[in-house]
Amino acid sequence: MLGPMSDQLQVTTVRPQVSLSIYDDMTDFTVMSPRDYQAGNADAVLTAVERYARALRLLRDAAPDS
């Protein structure tokens, strides 16, 4: 039900998800260091975001300057 509504609003969603903990998945609260089982999830999210960014670049490049 939410998917078709998001489509109508032209909202882009990323399906993979990762839940990182600031205490367990960061070193000194400044460097991302996901635990082993989270690393794969983080890679999946970043790959999906990168694919969307490449696809949407075509639209940004084609859009008239404001």
PDB file of N, CA and C in Angstrom:
ATOM      1  N   MET A   1       0.814  -1.185   0.000  1.00  0.00           N
ATOM      2  CA  MET A   1       0.000   0.000   0.000  1.00  0.00           C
ATOM      3  C   MET A   1       0.863   1.257   0.000  1.00  0.00           C
ATOM      4  N   LEU A   2       1.937   1.250   0.757  1.00  0.00           N
ATOM      5  CA  LEU A   2       2.790   2.427   0.817  1.00  0.00           C
ATOM      6  C   LEU A   2       3.596   2.612  -0.468  1.00  0.00           C
ATOM      7  N   GLY A   3       3.956   1.511  -1.112  1.00  0.00           N
ATOM      8  CA  GLY A   3       4.734   1.579  -2.350  1.00  0.00           C
ATOM      9  C   GLY A   3       4.045   2.386  -3.438  1.00  0.00           C
ATOM     10  N   PRO A   4       2.782   2.070  -3.785  1.00  0.00           N
ATOM     11  CA  PRO A   4       2.097   2.858  -4.813  1.00  0.00           C
ATOM     12  C   PRO A   4       1.946   4.336  -4.433  1.00  0.00           C
ATOM     13  N   MET A   5       1.759   4.614  -3.146  1.00  0.00           N
ATOM     14  CA  MET A   5       1.647   6.005  -2.712  1.00  0.00           C
ATOM     15  C   MET A   5       2.979   6.726  -2.910  1.00  0.00           C
ATOM     16  N   SER A   6       4.076   6.051  -2.590  1.00  0.00           N
ATOM     17  CA  SER A   6       5.397   6.642  -2.785  1.00  0.00           C
ATOM     18  C   SER A   6       5.654   6.896  -4.265  1.00  0.00           C
ATOM     19  N   ASP A   7       5.212   5.962  -5.104  1.00  0.00           N
ATOM     20  CA  ASP A   7       5.374   6.132  -6.546  1.00  0.00           C
ATOM     21  C   ASP A   7       4.630   7.360  -7.036  1.00  0.00           C
ATOM     22  N   GLN A   8       3.418   7.561  -6.562  1.00  0.00           N
ATOM     23  CA  GLN A   8       2.631   8.717  -6.980  1.00  0.00           C
ATOM     24  C   GLN A   8       3.274  10.030  -6.535  1.00  0.00           C
ATOM     25  N   LEU A   9       3.940   9.998  -5.403  1.00  0.00           N
ATOM     26  CA  LEU A   9       4.618  11.196  -4.907  1.00  0.00           C
ATOM     27  C   LEU A   9       6.014  11.351  -5.513  1.00  0.00           C
ATOM     28  N   GLN A  10       6.400  10.399  -6.346  1.00  0.00           N
ATOM     29  CA  GLN A  10       7.711  10.346  -6.990  1.00  0.00           C
ATOM     30  C   GLN A  10       8.839  10.345  -5.960  1.00  0.00           C
ATOM     31  N   VAL A  11       8.643   9.549  -4.913  1.00  0.00           N
ATOM     32  CA  VAL A  11       9.646   9.384  -3.867  1.00  0.00           C
ATOM     33  C   VAL A  11      10.513   8.181  -4.223  1.00  0.00           C
ATOM     34  N   THR A  12      11.800   8.364  -4.186  1.00  0.00           N
ATOM     35  CA  THR A  12      12.722   7.271  -4.459  1.00  0.00           C
ATOM     36  C   THR A  12      13.107   6.621  -3.139  1.00  0.00           C
ATOM     37  N   THR A  13      13.012   5.317  -3.080  1.00  0.00           N
ATOM     38  CA  THR A  13      13.363   4.613  -1.849  1.00  0.00           C
ATOM     39  C   THR A  13      14.505   3.645  -2.115  1.00  0.00           C
ATOM     40  N   VAL A  14      15.267   3.376  -1.092  1.00  0.00           N
ATOM     41  CA  VAL A  14      16.350   2.402  -1.157  1.00  0.00           C
ATOM     42  C   VAL A  14      15.904   1.208  -0.345  1.00  0.00           C
ATOM     43  N   ARG A  15      15.831   0.061  -0.983  1.00  0.00           N
ATOM     44  CA  ARG A  15      15.289  -1.123  -0.317  1.00  0.00           C
ATOM     45  C   ARG A  15      16.218  -1.705   0.762  1.00  0.00           C
ATOM     46  N   PRO A  16      17.505  -1.906   0.472  1.00  0.00           N
ATOM     47  CA  PRO A  16      18.366  -2.466   1.533  1.00  0.00           C
ATOM     48  C   PRO A  16      18.452  -1.498   2.718  1.00  0.00           C
ATOM     49  N   GLN A  17      18.607  -2.064   3.894  1.00  0.00           N
ATOM     50  CA  GLN A  17      18.705  -1.245   5.097  1.00  0.00           C
ATOM     51  C   GLN A  17      19.838  -1.742   5.979  1.00  0.00           C
ATOM     52  N   VAL A  18      20.371  -0.828   6.749  1.00  0.00           N
ATOM     53  CA  VAL A  18      21.407  -1.176   7.724  1.00  0.00           C
ATOM     54  C   VAL A  18      21.138  -0.358   8.979  1.00  0.00           C
ATOM     55  N   SER A  19      21.372  -0.961  10.111  1.00  0.00           N
ATOM     56  CA  SER A  19      21.176  -0.265  11.383  1.00  0.00           C
ATOM     57  C   SER A  19      22.519  -0.255  12.116  1.00  0.00           C
ATOM     58  N   LEU A  20      23.163   0.904  12.103  1.00  0.00           N
ATOM     59  CA  LEU A  20      24.472   1.017  12.729  1.00  0.00           C
ATOM     60  C   LEU A  20      24.348   1.667  14.103  1.00  0.00           C
ATOM     61  N   SER A  21      25.162   1.223  15.009  1.00  0.00           N
ATOM     62  CA  SER A  21      25.195   1.768  16.368  1.00  0.00           C
ATOM     63  C   SER A  21      26.382   2.707  16.507  1.00  0.00           C
ATOM     64  N   ILE A  22      26.138   3.868  17.053  1.00  0.00           N
ATOM     65  CA  ILE A  22      27.226   4.830  17.253  1.00  0.00           C
ATOM     66  C   ILE A  22      28.254   4.278  18.249  1.00  0.00           C
ATOM     67  N   TYR A  23      27.824   3.397  19.122  1.00  0.00           N
ATOM     68  CA  TYR A  23      28.726   2.838  20.125  1.00  0.00           C
ATOM     69  C   TYR A  23      29.470   1.610  19.629  1.00  0.00           C
ATOM     70  N   ASP A  24      28.785   0.769  18.836  1.00  0.00           N
ATOM     71  CA  ASP A  24      29.387  -0.496  18.421  1.00  0.00           C
ATOM     72  C   ASP A  24      29.994  -0.470  17.023  1.00  0.00           C
ATOM     73  N   ASP A  25      29.563   0.447  16.183  1.00  0.00           N
ATOM     74  CA  ASP A  25      30.005   0.459  14.788  1.00  0.00           C
ATOM     75  C   ASP A  25      30.838   1.687  14.427  1.00  0.00           C
ATOM     76  N   MET A  26      31.356   2.377  15.441  1.00  0.00           N
ATOM     77  CA  MET A  26      32.231   3.519  15.202  1.00  0.00           C
ATOM     78  C   MET A  26      33.417   3.443  16.152  1.00  0.00           C
ATOM     79  N   THR A  27      34.546   3.950  15.684  1.00  0.00           N
ATOM     80  CA  THR A  27      35.743   4.009  16.504  1.00  0.00           C
ATOM     81  C   THR A  27      35.924   5.452  16.953  1.00  0.00           C
ATOM     82  N   ASP A  28      35.986   5.668  18.236  1.00  0.00           N
ATOM     83  CA  ASP A  28      36.155   7.011  18.820  1.00  0.00           C
ATOM     84  C   ASP A  28      35.084   7.990  18.336  1.00  0.00           C
ATOM     85  N   PHE A  29      33.922   7.483  17.977  1.00  0.00           N
ATOM     86  CA  PHE A  29      32.784   8.298  17.517  1.00  0.00           C
ATOM     87  C   PHE A  29      33.099   9.145  16.287  1.00  0.00           C
ATOM     88  N   THR A  30      34.164   8.791  15.565  1.00  0.00           N
ATOM     89  CA  THR A  30      34.533   9.582  14.389  1.00  0.00           C
ATOM     90  C   THR A  30      34.744   8.756  13.126  1.00  0.00           C
ATOM     91  N   VAL A  31      35.086   7.485  13.277  1.00  0.00           N
ATOM     92  CA  VAL A  31      35.404   6.636  12.126  1.00  0.00           C
ATOM     93  C   VAL A  31      34.417   5.479  12.062  1.00  0.00           C
ATOM     94  N   MET A  32      33.781   5.322  10.895  1.00  0.00           N
ATOM     95  CA  MET A  32      32.858   4.198  10.716  1.00  0.00           C
ATOM     96  C   MET A  32      33.647   2.900  10.670  1.00  0.00           C
ATOM     97  N   SER A  33      33.296   1.954  11.503  1.00  0.00           N
ATOM     98  CA  SER A  33      33.925   0.634  11.504  1.00  0.00           C
ATOM     99  C   SER A  33      32.850  -0.399  11.832  1.00  0.00           C
ATOM    100  N   PRO A  34      31.953  -0.646  10.860  1.00  0.00           N
ATOM    101  CA  PRO A  34      30.844  -1.569  11.130  1.00  0.00           C
ATOM    102  C   PRO A  34      31.334  -2.969  11.471  1.00  0.00           C
ATOM    103  N   ARG A  35      30.585  -3.610  12.335  1.00  0.00           N
ATOM    104  CA  ARG A  35      30.892  -4.995  12.679  1.00  0.00           C
ATOM    105  C   ARG A  35      30.774  -5.850  11.423  1.00  0.00           C
ATOM    106  N   ASP A  36      31.387  -7.021  11.450  1.00  0.00           N
ATOM    107  CA  ASP A  36      31.460  -7.878  10.264  1.00  0.00           C
ATOM    108  C   ASP A  36      30.093  -8.131   9.640  1.00  0.00           C
ATOM    109  N   TYR A  37      29.099  -8.456  10.450  1.00  0.00           N
ATOM    110  CA  TYR A  37      27.797  -8.781   9.876  1.00  0.00           C
ATOM    111  C   TYR A  37      27.085  -7.541   9.349  1.00  0.00           C
ATOM    112  N   GLN A  38      27.489  -6.349   9.772  1.00  0.00           N
ATOM    113  CA  GLN A  38      26.879  -5.110   9.281  1.00  0.00           C
ATOM    114  C   GLN A  38      27.558  -4.609   8.002  1.00  0.00           C
ATOM    115  N   ALA A  39      28.793  -5.006   7.781  1.00  0.00           N
ATOM    116  CA  ALA A  39      29.543  -4.504   6.628  1.00  0.00           C
ATOM    117  C   ALA A  39      28.832  -4.851   5.321  1.00  0.00           C
ATOM    118  N   GLY A  40      28.330  -6.058   5.197  1.00  0.00           N
ATOM    119  CA  GLY A  40      27.613  -6.454   3.986  1.00  0.00           C
ATOM    120  C   GLY A  40      26.353  -5.632   3.784  1.00  0.00           C
ATOM    121  N   ASN A  41      25.638  -5.381   4.878  1.00  0.00           N
ATOM    122  CA  ASN A  41      24.423  -4.562   4.792  1.00  0.00           C
ATOM    123  C   ASN A  41      24.765  -3.134   4.381  1.00  0.00           C
ATOM    124  N   ALA A  42      25.815  -2.579   4.954  1.00  0.00           N
ATOM    125  CA  ALA A  42      26.225  -1.212   4.617  1.00  0.00           C
ATOM    126  C   ALA A  42      26.627  -1.130   3.146  1.00  0.00           C
ATOM    127  N   ASP A  43      27.347  -2.133   2.658  1.00  0.00           N
ATOM    128  CA  ASP A  43      27.733  -2.153   1.241  1.00  0.00           C
ATOM    129  C   ASP A  43      26.509  -2.203   0.340  1.00  0.00           C
ATOM    130  N   ALA A  44      25.502  -2.983   0.715  1.00  0.00           N
ATOM    131  CA  ALA A  44      24.282  -3.091  -0.083  1.00  0.00           C
ATOM    132  C   ALA A  44      23.547  -1.752  -0.157  1.00  0.00           C
ATOM    133  N   VAL A  45      23.476  -1.044   0.961  1.00  0.00           N
ATOM    134  CA  VAL A  45      22.815   0.268   0.985  1.00  0.00           C
ATOM    135  C   VAL A  45      23.579   1.248   0.102  1.00  0.00           C
ATOM    136  N   LEU A  46      24.893   1.306   0.281  1.00  0.00           N
ATOM    137  CA  LEU A  46      25.690   2.257  -0.490  1.00  0.00           C
ATOM    138  C   LEU A  46      25.663   1.945  -1.984  1.00  0.00           C
ATOM    139  N   THR A  47      25.637   0.672  -2.338  1.00  0.00           N
ATOM    140  CA  THR A  47      25.532   0.288  -3.745  1.00  0.00           C
ATOM    141  C   THR A  47      24.202   0.740  -4.324  1.00  0.00           C
ATOM    142  N   ALA A  48      23.117   0.553  -3.583  1.00  0.00           N
ATOM    143  CA  ALA A  48      21.800   0.975  -4.058  1.00  0.00           C
ATOM    144  C   ALA A  48      21.729   2.489  -4.219  1.00  0.00           C
ATOM    145  N   VAL A  49      22.279   3.217  -3.254  1.00  0.00           N
ATOM    146  CA  VAL A  49      22.273   4.685  -3.328  1.00  0.00           C
ATOM    147  C   VAL A  49      23.104   5.149  -4.529  1.00  0.00           C
ATOM    148  N   GLU A  50      24.225   4.506  -4.745  1.00  0.00           N
ATOM    149  CA  GLU A  50      25.079   4.866  -5.882  1.00  0.00           C
ATOM    150  C   GLU A  50      24.367   4.622  -7.212  1.00  0.00           C
ATOM    151  N   ARG A  51      23.643   3.519  -7.315  1.00  0.00           N
ATOM    152  CA  ARG A  51      22.883   3.232  -8.543  1.00  0.00           C
ATOM    153  C   ARG A  51      21.811   4.282  -8.784  1.00  0.00           C
ATOM    154  N   TYR A  52      21.095   4.639  -7.734  1.00  0.00           N
ATOM    155  CA  TYR A  52      20.069   5.681  -7.874  1.00  0.00           C
ATOM    156  C   TYR A  52      20.698   7.010  -8.269  1.00  0.00           C
ATOM    157  N   ALA A  53      21.825   7.342  -7.668  1.00  0.00           N
ATOM    158  CA  ALA A  53      22.487   8.613  -7.981  1.00  0.00           C
ATOM    159  C   ALA A  53      22.889   8.663  -9.447  1.00  0.00           C
ATOM    160  N   ARG A  54      23.414   7.543  -9.969  1.00  0.00           N
ATOM    161  CA  ARG A  54      23.783   7.504 -11.390  1.00  0.00           C
ATOM    162  C   ARG A  54      22.558   7.643 -12.280  1.00  0.00           C
ATOM    163  N   ALA A  55      21.483   6.965 -11.923  1.00  0.00           N
ATOM    164  CA  ALA A  55      20.261   7.028 -12.735  1.00  0.00           C
ATOM    165  C   ALA A  55      19.646   8.422 -12.698  1.00  0.00           C
ATOM    166  N   LEU A  56      19.630   9.038 -11.529  1.00  0.00           N
ATOM    167  CA  LEU A  56      19.028  10.360 -11.395  1.00  0.00           C
ATOM    168  C   LEU A  56      19.892  11.462 -11.994  1.00  0.00           C
ATOM    169  N   ARG A  57      21.172  11.172 -12.174  1.00  0.00           N
ATOM    170  CA  ARG A  57      22.051  12.171 -12.803  1.00  0.00           C
ATOM    171  C   ARG A  57      21.562  12.509 -14.207  1.00  0.00           C
ATOM    172  N   LEU A  58      21.054  11.523 -14.905  1.00  0.00           N
ATOM    173  CA  LEU A  58      20.515  11.761 -16.242  1.00  0.00           C
ATOM    174  C   LEU A  58      19.388  12.787 -16.193  1.00  0.00           C
ATOM    175  N   LEU A  59      18.543  12.689 -15.172  1.00  0.00           N
ATOM    176  CA  LEU A  59      17.456  13.652 -15.031  1.00  0.00           C
ATOM    177  C   LEU A  59      17.985  15.025 -14.639  1.00  0.00           C
ATOM    178  N   ARG A  60      18.972  15.046 -13.737  1.00  0.00           N
ATOM    179  CA  ARG A  60      19.525  16.350 -13.330  1.00  0.00           C
ATOM    180  C   ARG A  60      20.202  17.041 -14.498  1.00  0.00           C
ATOM    181  N   ASP A  61      20.948  16.272 -15.307  1.00  0.00           N
ATOM    182  CA  ASP A  61      21.649  16.853 -16.447  1.00  0.00           C
ATOM    183  C   ASP A  61      20.670  17.359 -17.508  1.00  0.00           C
ATOM    184  N   ALA A  62      19.528  16.685 -17.641  1.00  0.00           N
ATOM    185  CA  ALA A  62      18.535  17.066 -18.645  1.00  0.00           C
ATOM    186  C   ALA A  62      17.626  18.203 -18.192  1.00  0.00           C
ATOM    187  N   ALA A  63      17.597  18.475 -16.895  1.00  0.00           N
ATOM    188  CA  ALA A  63      16.710  19.520 -16.364  1.00  0.00           C
ATOM    189  C   ALA A  63      17.214  20.899 -16.763  1.00  0.00           C
ATOM    190  N   PRO A  64      16.297  21.797 -17.120  1.00  0.00           N
ATOM    191  CA  PRO A  64      16.721  23.165 -17.447  1.00  0.00           C
ATOM    192  C   PRO A  64      17.247  23.866 -16.203  1.00  0.00           C
ATOM    193  N   ASP A  65      18.209  24.731 -16.400  1.00  0.00           N
ATOM    194  CA  ASP A  65      18.765  25.490 -15.264  1.00  0.00           C
ATOM    195  C   ASP A  65      17.709  26.426 -14.700  1.00  0.00           C
ATOM    196  N   SER A  66      17.673  26.511 -13.393  1.00  0.00           N
ATOM    197  CA  SER A  66      16.690  27.386 -12.730  1.00  0.00           C
ATOM    198  C   SER A  66      17.241  28.768 -12.525  1.00  0.00           C
TER     199      SER A  66
END
